[in-house]
Amino acid sequence: MIKRNRNLASWSSALFVAAGLTACAAPPAQDAAPGMIVKFRDDSKRETLLAQLAKRYRVQLGEGRQLALGSWVYPVAGEGRDAFVAALLRTPEVEYAEWDGAAARR
């Protein structure tokens, strides 16, 4: 019985390590796009404005994730990324927009 438990523990450990290595080896595709942090003065206009500008500058926005103090981070892909962020900065509804420093350091 003791030998059986040791074998089970060894297999469990190996499976745990393999699962961890697999998770580390294949990052989600969404993480490949640089993240843009944006904060709106009126959050109710966020989705509409982002969709309009993304279409105009031909960028693809990933799913947004809310951060602290009302800001959001979005993965942004496409050649018009910099023009897209510049347009956000010129929009009165936007308090600030910048590239995520953590994404830039990767």
PDB file of N, CA and C in Angstrom:
ATOM      1  N   MET A   1       0.825  -1.201   0.000  1.00  0.00           N
ATOM      2  CA  MET A   1       0.000   0.000   0.000  1.00  0.00           C
ATOM      3  C   MET A   1       0.863   1.256   0.000  1.00  0.00           C
ATOM      4  N   ILE A   2       1.969   1.254   0.773  1.00  0.00           N
ATOM      5  CA  ILE A   2       2.830   2.426   0.834  1.00  0.00           C
ATOM      6  C   ILE A   2       3.484   2.665  -0.519  1.00  0.00           C
ATOM      7  N   LYS A   3       3.925   1.592  -1.196  1.00  0.00           N
ATOM      8  CA  LYS A   3       4.551   1.732  -2.511  1.00  0.00           C
ATOM      9  C   LYS A   3       3.559   2.311  -3.510  1.00  0.00           C
ATOM     10  N   ARG A   4       2.317   1.900  -3.440  1.00  0.00           N
ATOM     11  CA  ARG A   4       1.288   2.406  -4.340  1.00  0.00           C
ATOM     12  C   ARG A   4       1.090   3.907  -4.145  1.00  0.00           C
ATOM     13  N   ASN A   5       1.067   4.376  -2.899  1.00  0.00           N
ATOM     14  CA  ASN A   5       0.901   5.799  -2.611  1.00  0.00           C
ATOM     15  C   ASN A   5       2.089   6.611  -3.114  1.00  0.00           C
ATOM     16  N   ARG A   6       3.301   6.042  -3.029  1.00  0.00           N
ATOM     17  CA  ARG A   6       4.485   6.740  -3.536  1.00  0.00           C
ATOM     18  C   ARG A   6       4.404   6.888  -5.053  1.00  0.00           C
ATOM     19  N   ASN A   7       3.952   5.847  -5.733  1.00  0.00           N
ATOM     20  CA  ASN A   7       3.796   5.929  -7.185  1.00  0.00           C
ATOM     21  C   ASN A   7       2.765   6.976  -7.563  1.00  0.00           C
ATOM     22  N   LEU A   8       1.672   7.007  -6.826  1.00  0.00           N
ATOM     23  CA  LEU A   8       0.628   7.998  -7.082  1.00  0.00           C
ATOM     24  C   LEU A   8       1.164   9.405  -6.855  1.00  0.00           C
ATOM     25  N   ALA A   9       1.943   9.589  -5.799  1.00  0.00           N
ATOM     26  CA  ALA A   9       2.524  10.897  -5.518  1.00  0.00           C
ATOM     27  C   ALA A   9       3.502  11.300  -6.620  1.00  0.00           C
ATOM     28  N   SER A  10       4.290  10.374  -7.107  1.00  0.00           N
ATOM     29  CA  SER A  10       5.241  10.677  -8.185  1.00  0.00           C
ATOM     30  C   SER A  10       4.507  11.083  -9.452  1.00  0.00           C
ATOM     31  N   TRP A  11       3.461  10.349  -9.804  1.00  0.00           N
ATOM     32  CA  TRP A  11       2.689  10.681 -11.001  1.00  0.00           C
ATOM     33  C   TRP A  11       1.986  12.018 -10.843  1.00  0.00           C
ATOM     34  N   SER A  12       1.466  12.270  -9.651  1.00  0.00           N
ATOM     35  CA  SER A  12       0.787  13.543  -9.407  1.00  0.00           C
ATOM     36  C   SER A  12       1.755  14.708  -9.549  1.00  0.00           C
ATOM     37  N   SER A  13       2.956  14.550  -9.020  1.00  0.00           N
ATOM     38  CA  SER A  13       3.967  15.602  -9.128  1.00  0.00           C
ATOM     39  C   SER A  13       4.359  15.833 -10.580  1.00  0.00           C
ATOM     40  N   ALA A  14       4.562  14.756 -11.317  1.00  0.00           N
ATOM     41  CA  ALA A  14       4.943  14.878 -12.724  1.00  0.00           C
ATOM     42  C   ALA A  14       3.847  15.565 -13.526  1.00  0.00           C
ATOM     43  N   LEU A  15       2.612  15.224 -13.276  1.00  0.00           N
ATOM     44  CA  LEU A  15       1.490  15.828 -13.974  1.00  0.00           C
ATOM     45  C   LEU A  15       1.389  17.320 -13.646  1.00  0.00           C
ATOM     46  N   PHE A  16       1.598  17.675 -12.389  1.00  0.00           N
ATOM     47  CA  PHE A  16       1.551  19.071 -11.970  1.00  0.00           C
ATOM     48  C   PHE A  16       2.647  19.879 -12.664  1.00  0.00           C
ATOM     49  N   VAL A  17       3.854  19.354 -12.723  1.00  0.00           N
ATOM     50  CA  VAL A  17       4.970  20.038 -13.381  1.00  0.00           C
ATOM     51  C   VAL A  17       4.700  20.173 -14.873  1.00  0.00           C
ATOM     52  N   ALA A  18       4.198  19.121 -15.509  1.00  0.00           N
ATOM     53  CA  ALA A  18       3.912  19.168 -16.946  1.00  0.00           C
ATOM     54  C   ALA A  18       2.837  20.207 -17.256  1.00  0.00           C
ATOM     55  N   ALA A  19       1.832  20.289 -16.426  1.00  0.00           N
ATOM     56  CA  ALA A  19       0.767  21.277 -16.644  1.00  0.00           C
ATOM     57  C   ALA A  19       1.324  22.688 -16.500  1.00  0.00           C
ATOM     58  N   GLY A  20       2.198  22.905 -15.545  1.00  0.00           N
ATOM     59  CA  GLY A  20       2.804  24.213 -15.364  1.00  0.00           C
ATOM     60  C   GLY A  20       3.686  24.607 -16.534  1.00  0.00           C
ATOM     61  N   LEU A  21       4.463  23.658 -17.044  1.00  0.00           N
ATOM     62  CA  LEU A  21       5.321  23.943 -18.195  1.00  0.00           C
ATOM     63  C   LEU A  21       4.499  24.244 -19.440  1.00  0.00           C
ATOM     64  N   THR A  22       3.412  23.536 -19.612  1.00  0.00           N
ATOM     65  CA  THR A  22       2.547  23.771 -20.762  1.00  0.00           C
ATOM     66  C   THR A  22       1.930  25.163 -20.690  1.00  0.00           C
ATOM     67  N   ALA A  23       1.496  25.567 -19.518  1.00  0.00           N
ATOM     68  CA  ALA A  23       0.897  26.890 -19.351  1.00  0.00           C
ATOM     69  C   ALA A  23       1.912  27.995 -19.611  1.00  0.00           C
ATOM     70  N   CYS A  24       3.153  27.775 -19.232  1.00  0.00           N
ATOM     71  CA  CYS A  24       4.195  28.787 -19.448  1.00  0.00           C
ATOM     72  C   CYS A  24       4.662  28.827 -20.898  1.00  0.00           C
ATOM     73  N   ALA A  25       4.622  27.709 -21.576  1.00  0.00           N
ATOM     74  CA  ALA A  25       5.178  27.627 -22.924  1.00  0.00           C
ATOM     75  C   ALA A  25       4.284  28.268 -23.972  1.00  0.00           C
ATOM     76  N   ALA A  26       2.999  28.337 -23.746  1.00  0.00           N
ATOM     77  CA  ALA A  26       2.080  28.847 -24.762  1.00  0.00           C
ATOM     78  C   ALA A  26       1.292  30.038 -24.232  1.00  0.00           C
ATOM     79  N   PRO A  27       1.848  31.249 -24.323  1.00  0.00           N
ATOM     80  CA  PRO A  27       1.092  32.411 -23.859  1.00  0.00           C
ATOM     81  C   PRO A  27      -0.104  32.664 -24.757  1.00  0.00           C
ATOM     82  N   PRO A  28      -1.167  33.237 -24.210  1.00  0.00           N
ATOM     83  CA  PRO A  28      -2.336  33.534 -25.021  1.00  0.00           C
ATOM     84  C   PRO A  28      -1.989  34.490 -26.154  1.00  0.00           C
ATOM     85  N   ALA A  29      -2.642  34.348 -27.281  1.00  0.00           N
ATOM     86  CA  ALA A  29      -2.379  35.192 -28.445  1.00  0.00           C
ATOM     87  C   ALA A  29      -2.664  36.660 -28.140  1.00  0.00           C
ATOM     88  N   GLN A  30      -3.609  36.914 -27.253  1.00  0.00           N
ATOM     89  CA  GLN A  30      -3.981  38.282 -26.919  1.00  0.00           C
ATOM     90  C   GLN A  30      -2.802  39.030 -26.298  1.00  0.00           C
ATOM     91  N   ASP A  31      -1.927  38.318 -25.578  1.00  0.00           N
ATOM     92  CA  ASP A  31      -0.794  38.970 -24.947  1.00  0.00           C
ATOM     93  C   ASP A  31       0.250  39.435 -25.958  1.00  0.00           C
ATOM     94  N   ALA A  32       0.177  38.941 -27.199  1.00  0.00           N
ATOM     95  CA  ALA A  32       1.152  39.324 -28.206  1.00  0.00           C
ATOM     96  C   ALA A  32       0.986  40.789 -28.617  1.00  0.00           C
ATOM     97  N   ALA A  33      -0.220  41.301 -28.577  1.00  0.00           N
ATOM     98  CA  ALA A  33      -0.472  42.697 -28.950  1.00  0.00           C
ATOM     99  C   ALA A  33      -0.127  43.603 -27.772  1.00  0.00           C
ATOM    100  N   PRO A  34       0.490  44.763 -28.065  1.00  0.00           N
ATOM    101  CA  PRO A  34       0.791  45.694 -26.975  1.00  0.00           C
ATOM    102  C   PRO A  34      -0.492  46.187 -26.309  1.00  0.00           C
ATOM    103  N   GLY A  35      -0.412  46.427 -25.027  1.00  0.00           N
ATOM    104  CA  GLY A  35      -1.576  46.902 -24.298  1.00  0.00           C
ATOM    105  C   GLY A  35      -1.627  48.424 -24.243  1.00  0.00           C
ATOM    106  N   MET A  36      -2.821  48.959 -24.386  1.00  0.00           N
ATOM    107  CA  MET A  36      -3.048  50.394 -24.297  1.00  0.00           C
ATOM    108  C   MET A  36      -3.918  50.640 -23.067  1.00  0.00           C
ATOM    109  N   ILE A  37      -3.486  51.550 -22.217  1.00  0.00           N
ATOM    110  CA  ILE A  37      -4.271  51.917 -21.039  1.00  0.00           C
ATOM    111  C   ILE A  37      -4.995  53.215 -21.362  1.00  0.00           C
ATOM    112  N   VAL A  38      -6.277  53.229 -21.099  1.00  0.00           N
ATOM    113  CA  VAL A  38      -7.074  54.408 -21.407  1.00  0.00           C
ATOM    114  C   VAL A  38      -8.064  54.656 -20.267  1.00  0.00           C
ATOM    115  N   LYS A  39      -8.274  55.937 -19.973  1.00  0.00           N
ATOM    116  CA  LYS A  39      -9.276  56.317 -18.982  1.00  0.00           C
ATOM    117  C   LYS A  39     -10.158  57.389 -19.593  1.00  0.00           C
ATOM    118  N   PHE A  40     -11.451  57.163 -19.502  1.00  0.00           N
ATOM    119  CA  PHE A  40     -12.441  58.085 -20.054  1.00  0.00           C
ATOM    120  C   PHE A  40     -13.021  58.951 -18.952  1.00  0.00           C
ATOM    121  N   ARG A  41     -13.372  60.165 -19.318  1.00  0.00           N
ATOM    122  CA  ARG A  41     -14.043  61.052 -18.364  1.00  0.00           C
ATOM    123  C   ARG A  41     -15.453  60.534 -18.093  1.00  0.00           C
ATOM    124  N   ASP A  42     -16.099  59.994 -19.128  1.00  0.00           N
ATOM    125  CA  ASP A  42     -17.440  59.413 -19.012  1.00  0.00           C
ATOM    126  C   ASP A  42     -17.365  58.003 -19.588  1.00  0.00           C
ATOM    127  N   ASP A  43     -17.347  57.011 -18.714  1.00  0.00           N
ATOM    128  CA  ASP A  43     -17.144  55.621 -19.129  1.00  0.00           C
ATOM    129  C   ASP A  43     -18.272  55.077 -20.001  1.00  0.00           C
ATOM    130  N   SER A  44     -19.425  55.738 -19.994  1.00  0.00           N
ATOM    131  CA  SER A  44     -20.547  55.241 -20.800  1.00  0.00           C
ATOM    132  C   SER A  44     -20.288  55.390 -22.302  1.00  0.00           C
ATOM    133  N   LYS A  45     -19.362  56.259 -22.690  1.00  0.00           N
ATOM    134  CA  LYS A  45     -19.049  56.473 -24.103  1.00  0.00           C
ATOM    135  C   LYS A  45     -17.866  55.624 -24.577  1.00  0.00           C
ATOM    136  N   ARG A  46     -17.271  54.866 -23.684  1.00  0.00           N
ATOM    137  CA  ARG A  46     -16.043  54.127 -23.959  1.00  0.00           C
ATOM    138  C   ARG A  46     -16.162  53.183 -25.145  1.00  0.00           C
ATOM    139  N   GLU A  47     -17.086  52.266 -25.115  1.00  0.00           N
ATOM    140  CA  GLU A  47     -17.197  51.232 -26.159  1.00  0.00           C
ATOM    141  C   GLU A  47     -17.488  51.830 -27.534  1.00  0.00           C
ATOM    142  N   THR A  48     -18.397  52.795 -27.584  1.00  0.00           N
ATOM    143  CA  THR A  48     -18.760  53.413 -28.867  1.00  0.00           C
ATOM    144  C   THR A  48     -17.576  54.145 -29.473  1.00  0.00           C
ATOM    145  N   LEU A  49     -16.911  54.950 -28.675  1.00  0.00           N
ATOM    146  CA  LEU A  49     -15.774  55.721 -29.169  1.00  0.00           C
ATOM    147  C   LEU A  49     -14.622  54.814 -29.604  1.00  0.00           C
ATOM    148  N   LEU A  50     -14.318  53.796 -28.808  1.00  0.00           N
ATOM    149  CA  LEU A  50     -13.244  52.873 -29.175  1.00  0.00           C
ATOM    150  C   LEU A  50     -13.557  52.143 -30.481  1.00  0.00           C
ATOM    151  N   ALA A  51     -14.796  51.715 -30.645  1.00  0.00           N
ATOM    152  CA  ALA A  51     -15.178  51.004 -31.871  1.00  0.00           C
ATOM    153  C   ALA A  51     -15.053  51.906 -33.097  1.00  0.00           C
ATOM    154  N   GLN A  52     -15.481  53.157 -32.969  1.00  0.00           N
ATOM    155  CA  GLN A  52     -15.391  54.094 -34.096  1.00  0.00           C
ATOM    156  C   GLN A  52     -13.940  54.358 -34.490  1.00  0.00           C
ATOM    157  N   LEU A  53     -13.098  54.626 -33.498  1.00  0.00           N
ATOM    158  CA  LEU A  53     -11.697  54.922 -33.798  1.00  0.00           C
ATOM    159  C   LEU A  53     -10.941  53.689 -34.284  1.00  0.00           C
ATOM    160  N   ALA A  54     -11.260  52.528 -33.747  1.00  0.00           N
ATOM    161  CA  ALA A  54     -10.606  51.287 -34.199  1.00  0.00           C
ATOM    162  C   ALA A  54     -10.923  51.034 -35.664  1.00  0.00           C
ATOM    163  N   LYS A  55     -12.153  51.287 -36.065  1.00  0.00           N
ATOM    164  CA  LYS A  55     -12.534  51.111 -37.466  1.00  0.00           C
ATOM    165  C   LYS A  55     -11.811  52.132 -38.347  1.00  0.00           C
ATOM    166  N   ARG A  56     -11.760  53.387 -37.908  1.00  0.00           N
ATOM    167  CA  ARG A  56     -11.128  54.446 -38.690  1.00  0.00           C
ATOM    168  C   ARG A  56      -9.631  54.187 -38.896  1.00  0.00           C
ATOM    169  N   TYR A  57      -8.949  53.717 -37.850  1.00  0.00           N
ATOM    170  CA  TYR A  57      -7.502  53.520 -37.933  1.00  0.00           C
ATOM    171  C   TYR A  57      -7.109  52.063 -38.225  1.00  0.00           C
ATOM    172  N   ARG A  58      -8.095  51.245 -38.502  1.00  0.00           N
ATOM    173  CA  ARG A  58      -7.882  49.841 -38.895  1.00  0.00           C
ATOM    174  C   ARG A  58      -7.031  49.070 -37.892  1.00  0.00           C
ATOM    175  N   VAL A  59      -7.435  49.153 -36.643  1.00  0.00           N
ATOM    176  CA  VAL A  59      -6.784  48.366 -35.602  1.00  0.00           C
ATOM    177  C   VAL A  59      -7.795  47.391 -35.019  1.00  0.00           C
ATOM    178  N   GLN A  60      -7.281  46.335 -34.433  1.00  0.00           N
ATOM    179  CA  GLN A  60      -8.133  45.356 -33.774  1.00  0.00           C
ATOM    180  C   GLN A  60      -7.909  45.473 -32.269  1.00  0.00           C
ATOM    181  N   LEU A  61      -8.994  45.674 -31.559  1.00  0.00           N
ATOM    182  CA  LEU A  61      -8.943  45.757 -30.105  1.00  0.00           C
ATOM    183  C   LEU A  61      -9.305  44.412 -29.516  1.00  0.00           C
ATOM    184  N   GLY A  62      -8.490  43.958 -28.586  1.00  0.00           N
ATOM    185  CA  GLY A  62      -8.844  42.750 -27.844  1.00  0.00           C
ATOM    186  C   GLY A  62      -9.848  43.101 -26.762  1.00  0.00           C
ATOM    187  N   GLU A  63     -10.205  42.117 -25.992  1.00  0.00           N
ATOM    188  CA  GLU A  63     -11.162  42.339 -24.913  1.00  0.00           C
ATOM    189  C   GLU A  63     -10.537  43.219 -23.836  1.00  0.00           C
ATOM    190  N   GLY A  64     -11.263  44.236 -23.433  1.00  0.00           N
ATOM    191  CA  GLY A  64     -10.778  45.157 -22.414  1.00  0.00           C
ATOM    192  C   GLY A  64     -10.867  44.556 -21.027  1.00  0.00           C
ATOM    193  N   ARG A  65      -9.962  45.020 -20.171  1.00  0.00           N
ATOM    194  CA  ARG A  65      -9.946  44.576 -18.784  1.00  0.00           C
ATOM    195  C   ARG A  65      -9.843  45.820 -17.912  1.00  0.00           C
ATOM    196  N   GLN A  66     -10.751  45.937 -16.952  1.00  0.00           N
ATOM    197  CA  GLN A  66     -10.774  47.130 -16.102  1.00  0.00           C
ATOM    198  C   GLN A  66      -9.644  47.078 -15.079  1.00  0.00           C
ATOM    199  N   LEU A  67      -8.988  48.209 -14.935  1.00  0.00           N
ATOM    200  CA  LEU A  67      -7.921  48.371 -13.958  1.00  0.00           C
ATOM    201  C   LEU A  67      -8.425  49.243 -12.813  1.00  0.00           C
ATOM    202  N   ALA A  68      -7.539  49.564 -11.910  1.00  0.00           N
ATOM    203  CA  ALA A  68      -7.900  50.397 -10.764  1.00  0.00           C
ATOM    204  C   ALA A  68      -8.239  51.822 -11.212  1.00  0.00           C
ATOM    205  N   LEU A  69      -9.034  52.482 -10.423  1.00  0.00           N
ATOM    206  CA  LEU A  69      -9.383  53.895 -10.602  1.00  0.00           C
ATOM    207  C   LEU A  69     -10.075  54.200 -11.922  1.00  0.00           C
ATOM    208  N   GLY A  70     -10.756  53.218 -12.506  1.00  0.00           N
ATOM    209  CA  GLY A  70     -11.579  53.460 -13.679  1.00  0.00           C
ATOM    210  C   GLY A  70     -10.884  53.395 -15.018  1.00  0.00           C
ATOM    211  N   SER A  71      -9.629  53.041 -15.067  1.00  0.00           N
ATOM    212  CA  SER A  71      -8.955  52.919 -16.362  1.00  0.00           C
ATOM    213  C   SER A  71      -9.128  51.497 -16.901  1.00  0.00           C
ATOM    214  N   TRP A  72      -8.855  51.352 -18.193  1.00  0.00           N
ATOM    215  CA  TRP A  72      -9.013  50.069 -18.880  1.00  0.00           C
ATOM    216  C   TRP A  72      -7.748  49.778 -19.665  1.00  0.00           C
ATOM    217  N   VAL A  73      -7.448  48.492 -19.854  1.00  0.00           N
ATOM    218  CA  VAL A  73      -6.336  48.087 -20.711  1.00  0.00           C
ATOM    219  C   VAL A  73      -6.905  47.236 -21.840  1.00  0.00           C
ATOM    220  N   TYR A  74      -6.477  47.548 -23.063  1.00  0.00           N
ATOM    221  CA  TYR A  74      -6.916  46.834 -24.262  1.00  0.00           C
ATOM    222  C   TYR A  74      -5.702  46.410 -25.073  1.00  0.00           C
ATOM    223  N   PRO A  75      -5.634  45.168 -25.513  1.00  0.00           N
ATOM    224  CA  PRO A  75      -4.612  44.799 -26.494  1.00  0.00           C
ATOM    225  C   PRO A  75      -4.977  45.434 -27.837  1.00  0.00           C
ATOM    226  N   VAL A  76      -4.001  46.046 -28.507  1.00  0.00           N
ATOM    227  CA  VAL A  76      -4.244  46.739 -29.769  1.00  0.00           C
ATOM    228  C   VAL A  76      -3.309  46.164 -30.828  1.00  0.00           C
ATOM    229  N   ALA A  77      -3.881  45.671 -31.916  1.00  0.00           N
ATOM    230  CA  ALA A  77      -3.091  45.114 -33.018  1.00  0.00           C
ATOM    231  C   ALA A  77      -3.429  45.862 -34.305  1.00  0.00           C
ATOM    232  N   GLY A  78      -2.449  45.999 -35.159  1.00  0.00           N
ATOM    233  CA  GLY A  78      -2.654  46.665 -36.434  1.00  0.00           C
ATOM    234  C   GLY A  78      -1.634  47.768 -36.632  1.00  0.00           C
ATOM    235  N   GLU A  79      -1.412  48.127 -37.872  1.00  0.00           N
ATOM    236  CA  GLU A  79      -0.379  49.112 -38.182  1.00  0.00           C
ATOM    237  C   GLU A  79      -0.742  50.527 -37.748  1.00  0.00           C
ATOM    238  N   GLY A  80      -2.007  50.813 -37.542  1.00  0.00           N
ATOM    239  CA  GLY A  80      -2.430  52.158 -37.155  1.00  0.00           C
ATOM    240  C   GLY A  80      -2.481  52.381 -35.659  1.00  0.00           C
ATOM    241  N   ARG A  81      -1.763  51.543 -34.883  1.00  0.00           N
ATOM    242  CA  ARG A  81      -1.829  51.623 -33.413  1.00  0.00           C
ATOM    243  C   ARG A  81      -1.446  52.995 -32.885  1.00  0.00           C
ATOM    244  N   ASP A  82      -0.333  53.536 -33.361  1.00  0.00           N
ATOM    245  CA  ASP A  82       0.125  54.819 -32.826  1.00  0.00           C
ATOM    246  C   ASP A  82      -0.828  55.955 -33.188  1.00  0.00           C
ATOM    247  N   ALA A  83      -1.342  55.947 -34.411  1.00  0.00           N
ATOM    248  CA  ALA A  83      -2.319  56.968 -34.820  1.00  0.00           C
ATOM    249  C   ALA A  83      -3.608  56.822 -34.015  1.00  0.00           C
ATOM    250  N   PHE A  84      -3.976  55.596 -33.704  1.00  0.00           N
ATOM    251  CA  PHE A  84      -5.171  55.318 -32.909  1.00  0.00           C
ATOM    252  C   PHE A  84      -5.038  55.945 -31.518  1.00  0.00           C
ATOM    253  N   VAL A  85      -3.907  55.729 -30.864  1.00  0.00           N
ATOM    254  CA  VAL A  85      -3.695  56.286 -29.526  1.00  0.00           C
ATOM    255  C   VAL A  85      -3.607  57.807 -29.591  1.00  0.00           C
ATOM    256  N   ALA A  86      -2.959  58.341 -30.625  1.00  0.00           N
ATOM    257  CA  ALA A  86      -2.889  59.803 -30.790  1.00  0.00           C
ATOM    258  C   ALA A  86      -4.285  60.397 -30.948  1.00  0.00           C
ATOM    259  N   ALA A  87      -5.155  59.717 -31.702  1.00  0.00           N
ATOM    260  CA  ALA A  87      -6.531  60.194 -31.871  1.00  0.00           C
ATOM    261  C   ALA A  87      -7.287  60.145 -30.544  1.00  0.00           C
ATOM    262  N   LEU A  88      -7.044  59.111 -29.748  1.00  0.00           N
ATOM    263  CA  LEU A  88      -7.683  59.040 -28.433  1.00  0.00           C
ATOM    264  C   LEU A  88      -7.269  60.219 -27.563  1.00  0.00           C
ATOM    265  N   LEU A  89      -6.001  60.578 -27.635  1.00  0.00           N
ATOM    266  CA  LEU A  89      -5.505  61.699 -26.819  1.00  0.00           C
ATOM    267  C   LEU A  89      -6.125  63.032 -27.221  1.00  0.00           C
ATOM    268  N   ARG A  90      -6.504  63.157 -28.475  1.00  0.00           N
ATOM    269  CA  ARG A  90      -7.135  64.401 -28.946  1.00  0.00           C
ATOM    270  C   ARG A  90      -8.624  64.452 -28.644  1.00  0.00           C
ATOM    271  N   THR A  91      -9.199  63.364 -28.189  1.00  0.00           N
ATOM    272  CA  THR A  91     -10.635  63.281 -27.928  1.00  0.00           C
ATOM    273  C   THR A  91     -10.950  63.848 -26.541  1.00  0.00           C
ATOM    274  N   PRO A  92     -11.881  64.802 -26.457  1.00  0.00           N
ATOM    275  CA  PRO A  92     -12.197  65.417 -25.162  1.00  0.00           C
ATOM    276  C   PRO A  92     -12.717  64.425 -24.115  1.00  0.00           C
ATOM    277  N   GLU A  93     -13.318  63.330 -24.541  1.00  0.00           N
ATOM    278  CA  GLU A  93     -13.876  62.359 -23.605  1.00  0.00           C
ATOM    279  C   GLU A  93     -12.806  61.518 -22.918  1.00  0.00           C
ATOM    280  N   VAL A  94     -11.565  61.566 -23.423  1.00  0.00           N
ATOM    281  CA  VAL A  94     -10.484  60.736 -22.899  1.00  0.00           C
ATOM    282  C   VAL A  94      -9.623  61.549 -21.939  1.00  0.00           C
ATOM    283  N   GLU A  95      -9.474  61.032 -20.723  1.00  0.00           N
ATOM    284  CA  GLU A  95      -8.614  61.689 -19.735  1.00  0.00           C
ATOM    285  C   GLU A  95      -7.145  61.404 -20.048  1.00  0.00           C
ATOM    286  N   TYR A  96      -6.814  60.146 -20.332  1.00  0.00           N
ATOM    287  CA  TYR A  96      -5.467  59.807 -20.786  1.00  0.00           C
ATOM    288  C   TYR A  96      -5.487  58.487 -21.538  1.00  0.00           C
ATOM    289  N   ALA A  97      -4.467  58.305 -22.392  1.00  0.00           N
ATOM    290  CA  ALA A  97      -4.256  57.057 -23.144  1.00  0.00           C
ATOM    291  C   ALA A  97      -2.761  56.892 -23.314  1.00  0.00           C
ATOM    292  N   GLU A  98      -2.260  55.723 -23.007  1.00  0.00           N
ATOM    293  CA  GLU A  98      -0.827  55.464 -23.120  1.00  0.00           C
ATOM    294  C   GLU A  98      -0.588  53.969 -23.291  1.00  0.00           C
ATOM    295  N   TRP A  99       0.595  53.646 -23.777  1.00  0.00           N
ATOM    296  CA  TRP A  99       0.963  52.235 -23.895  1.00  0.00           C
ATOM    297  C   TRP A  99       1.288  51.688 -22.530  1.00  0.00           C
ATOM    298  N   ASP A 100       0.903  50.459 -22.285  1.00  0.00           N
ATOM    299  CA  ASP A 100       1.164  49.780 -21.029  1.00  0.00           C
ATOM    300  C   ASP A 100       2.669  49.523 -20.911  1.00  0.00           C
ATOM    301  N   GLY A 101       3.282  50.058 -19.888  1.00  0.00           N
ATOM    302  CA  GLY A 101       4.716  49.898 -19.694  1.00  0.00           C
ATOM    303  C   GLY A 101       5.135  48.453 -19.526  1.00  0.00           C
ATOM    304  N   ALA A 102       4.299  47.645 -18.891  1.00  0.00           N
ATOM    305  CA  ALA A 102       4.627  46.224 -18.714  1.00  0.00           C
ATOM    306  C   ALA A 102       4.673  45.522 -20.050  1.00  0.00           C
ATOM    307  N   ALA A 103       3.764  45.869 -20.954  1.00  0.00           N
ATOM    308  CA  ALA A 103       3.748  45.246 -22.279  1.00  0.00           C
ATOM    309  C   ALA A 103       4.939  45.722 -23.099  1.00  0.00           C
ATOM    310  N   ALA A 104       5.345  46.968 -22.927  1.00  0.00           N
ATOM    311  CA  ALA A 104       6.465  47.511 -23.695  1.00  0.00           C
ATOM    312  C   ALA A 104       7.783  46.884 -23.269  1.00  0.00           C
ATOM    313  N   ARG A 105       7.889  46.434 -22.024  1.00  0.00           N
ATOM    314  CA  ARG A 105       9.127  45.847 -21.529  1.00  0.00           C
ATOM    315  C   ARG A 105       9.292  44.391 -21.937  1.00  0.00           C
ATOM    316  N   ARG A 106       8.247  43.747 -22.422  1.00  0.00           N
ATOM    317  CA  ARG A 106       8.331  42.322 -22.779  1.00  0.00           C
ATOM    318  C   ARG A 106       9.221  42.099 -23.946  1.00  0.00           C
TER     319      ARG A 106
END
